[in-house]
């Protein structure tokens, strides 16, 4: 069974407008603006899907090393700077105090 993904209503409308414009051969300046919006929306959706997949891998990892690698991958995709991340070493130092 395949997964469903949600897309903004404006994106779907732009896809239909683009298809109709290409069908009618009305390739004006408005079409390039629609294509730019579609590209941005698709890129945002792909990044969100990648982040979700990385988060799921982090939450479902079986081993500690595998979980940490998946967590770091998710934080990289999410754009969290390395200085803002906690680690197991940091937790251990805080507990020793």
C-alpha atoms as a PDB file:
ATOM      1  CA  UNK A   1       0.000   0.000   0.000  1.00  0.00           C
ATOM      2  CA  UNK A   2       1.427   3.366  -0.947  1.00  0.00           C
ATOM      3  CA  UNK A   3       1.491   6.353   1.374  1.00  0.00           C
ATOM      4  CA  UNK A   4      -0.507   9.461   0.688  1.00  0.00           C
ATOM      5  CA  UNK A   5       1.073  12.896   0.953  1.00  0.00           C
ATOM      6  CA  UNK A   6      -0.633  16.214   1.505  1.00  0.00           C
ATOM      7  CA  UNK A   7      -0.007  19.141  -0.804  1.00  0.00           C
ATOM      8  CA  UNK A   8      -1.236  22.716  -0.494  1.00  0.00           C
ATOM      9  CA  UNK A   9      -4.401  23.552  -2.427  1.00  0.00           C
ATOM     10  CA  UNK A  10      -2.583  26.372  -4.249  1.00  0.00           C
ATOM     11  CA  UNK A  11      -0.008  23.852  -5.507  1.00  0.00           C
ATOM     12  CA  UNK A  12      -2.686  21.574  -6.947  1.00  0.00           C
ATOM     13  CA  UNK A  13      -4.375  24.546  -8.617  1.00  0.00           C
ATOM     14  CA  UNK A  14      -1.047  25.618 -10.141  1.00  0.00           C
ATOM     15  CA  UNK A  15      -0.501  22.116 -11.516  1.00  0.00           C
ATOM     16  CA  UNK A  16      -3.918  22.175 -13.166  1.00  0.00           C
ATOM     17  CA  UNK A  17      -3.313  25.666 -14.574  1.00  0.00           C
ATOM     18  CA  UNK A  18       0.034  24.558 -15.979  1.00  0.00           C
ATOM     19  CA  UNK A  19      -1.467  21.456 -17.565  1.00  0.00           C
ATOM     20  CA  UNK A  20      -4.263  23.494 -19.119  1.00  0.00           C
ATOM     21  CA  UNK A  21      -1.822  26.149 -20.329  1.00  0.00           C
ATOM     22  CA  UNK A  22       0.399  23.517 -21.936  1.00  0.00           C
ATOM     23  CA  UNK A  23      -2.646  21.803 -23.420  1.00  0.00           C
ATOM     24  CA  UNK A  24      -3.826  25.051 -25.008  1.00  0.00           C
ATOM     25  CA  UNK A  25      -0.252  26.095 -25.990  1.00  0.00           C
ATOM     26  CA  UNK A  26      -0.617  29.318 -24.032  1.00  0.00           C
ATOM     27  CA  UNK A  27       2.980  29.494 -22.870  1.00  0.00           C
ATOM     28  CA  UNK A  28       3.095  33.074 -21.650  1.00  0.00           C
ATOM     29  CA  UNK A  29       5.011  34.736 -18.805  1.00  0.00           C
ATOM     30  CA  UNK A  30       2.449  33.527 -16.284  1.00  0.00           C
ATOM     31  CA  UNK A  31       3.476  29.921 -16.971  1.00  0.00           C
ATOM     32  CA  UNK A  32       7.074  30.543 -15.911  1.00  0.00           C
ATOM     33  CA  UNK A  33       5.848  32.024 -12.615  1.00  0.00           C
ATOM     34  CA  UNK A  34       3.670  28.951 -12.067  1.00  0.00           C
ATOM     35  CA  UNK A  35       6.615  26.661 -12.807  1.00  0.00           C
ATOM     36  CA  UNK A  36       8.770  28.549 -10.287  1.00  0.00           C
ATOM     37  CA  UNK A  37       6.080  28.174  -7.601  1.00  0.00           C
ATOM     38  CA  UNK A  38       5.671  24.482  -8.392  1.00  0.00           C
ATOM     39  CA  UNK A  39       9.416  23.900  -8.181  1.00  0.00           C
ATOM     40  CA  UNK A  40       9.667  25.630  -4.799  1.00  0.00           C
ATOM     41  CA  UNK A  41       6.706  23.713  -3.412  1.00  0.00           C
ATOM     42  CA  UNK A  42       8.040  20.376  -4.678  1.00  0.00           C
ATOM     43  CA  UNK A  43      11.486  21.050  -3.223  1.00  0.00           C
ATOM     44  CA  UNK A  44       9.953  21.972   0.149  1.00  0.00           C
ATOM     45  CA  UNK A  45       7.853  18.799   0.087  1.00  0.00           C
ATOM     46  CA  UNK A  46      10.858  16.599  -0.771  1.00  0.00           C
ATOM     47  CA  UNK A  47      12.875  18.104   2.085  1.00  0.00           C
ATOM     48  CA  UNK A  48       9.969  17.583   4.496  1.00  0.00           C
ATOM     49  CA  UNK A  49       9.656  13.947   3.389  1.00  0.00           C
ATOM     50  CA  UNK A  50      13.395  13.397   3.860  1.00  0.00           C
ATOM     51  CA  UNK A  51      13.271  14.912   7.349  1.00  0.00           C
ATOM     52  CA  UNK A  52      10.280  12.756   8.267  1.00  0.00           C
ATOM     53  CA  UNK A  53      12.030   9.634   6.995  1.00  0.00           C
ATOM     54  CA  UNK A  54      15.181  10.490   8.987  1.00  0.00           C
ATOM     55  CA  UNK A  55      13.113  11.145  12.128  1.00  0.00           C
ATOM     56  CA  UNK A  56      11.317   7.821  11.725  1.00  0.00           C
ATOM     57  CA  UNK A  57      14.666   6.055  11.272  1.00  0.00           C
ATOM     58  CA  UNK A  58      15.881   7.710  14.483  1.00  0.00           C
ATOM     59  CA  UNK A  59      12.811   6.662  16.454  1.00  0.00           C
ATOM     60  CA  UNK A  60      12.788   3.071  15.141  1.00  0.00           C
ATOM     61  CA  UNK A  61      16.532   2.324  15.214  1.00  0.00           C
ATOM     62  CA  UNK A  62      17.382  -0.832  17.109  1.00  0.00           C
ATOM     63  CA  UNK A  63      20.904  -0.101  18.348  1.00  0.00           C
ATOM     64  CA  UNK A  64      22.386   2.862  20.184  1.00  0.00           C
ATOM     65  CA  UNK A  65      24.964   3.614  17.474  1.00  0.00           C
ATOM     66  CA  UNK A  66      22.351   3.298  14.726  1.00  0.00           C
ATOM     67  CA  UNK A  67      19.965   5.571  16.645  1.00  0.00           C
ATOM     68  CA  UNK A  68      22.662   8.213  17.207  1.00  0.00           C
ATOM     69  CA  UNK A  69      23.660   8.166  13.522  1.00  0.00           C
ATOM     70  CA  UNK A  70      20.010   8.555  12.502  1.00  0.00           C
ATOM     71  CA  UNK A  71      19.553  11.381  15.024  1.00  0.00           C
ATOM     72  CA  UNK A  72      22.587  13.234  13.689  1.00  0.00           C
ATOM     73  CA  UNK A  73      21.294  12.767  10.128  1.00  0.00           C
ATOM     74  CA  UNK A  74      17.927  14.220  11.127  1.00  0.00           C
ATOM     75  CA  UNK A  75      19.551  17.196  12.862  1.00  0.00           C
ATOM     76  CA  UNK A  76      21.686  17.820   9.764  1.00  0.00           C
ATOM     77  CA  UNK A  77      18.584  17.809   7.554  1.00  0.00           C
ATOM     78  CA  UNK A  78      16.713  20.031  10.002  1.00  0.00           C
ATOM     79  CA  UNK A  79      19.566  22.557   9.918  1.00  0.00           C
ATOM     80  CA  UNK A  80      20.320  22.417  13.640  1.00  0.00           C
ATOM     81  CA  UNK A  81      23.813  23.813  14.196  1.00  0.00           C
ATOM     82  CA  UNK A  82      26.242  21.417  15.875  1.00  0.00           C
ATOM     83  CA  UNK A  83      26.777  23.846  18.785  1.00  0.00           C
ATOM     84  CA  UNK A  84      23.069  23.650  19.653  1.00  0.00           C
ATOM     85  CA  UNK A  85      22.930  19.859  19.807  1.00  0.00           C
ATOM     86  CA  UNK A  86      23.065  17.768  22.933  1.00  0.00           C
ATOM     87  CA  UNK A  87      24.946  14.505  23.009  1.00  0.00           C
ATOM     88  CA  UNK A  88      25.182  11.524  25.321  1.00  0.00           C
ATOM     89  CA  UNK A  89      28.571  12.839  26.511  1.00  0.00           C
ATOM     90  CA  UNK A  90      26.968  16.139  27.535  1.00  0.00           C
ATOM     91  CA  UNK A  91      24.248  14.290  29.464  1.00  0.00           C
ATOM     92  CA  UNK A  92      26.841  12.185  31.294  1.00  0.00           C
ATOM     93  CA  UNK A  93      28.890  15.252  32.290  1.00  0.00           C
ATOM     94  CA  UNK A  94      25.774  17.022  33.590  1.00  0.00           C
ATOM     95  CA  UNK A  95      24.793  13.974  35.650  1.00  0.00           C
ATOM     96  CA  UNK A  96      28.239  13.762  37.237  1.00  0.00           C
ATOM     97  CA  UNK A  97      27.995  17.308  38.633  1.00  0.00           C
END
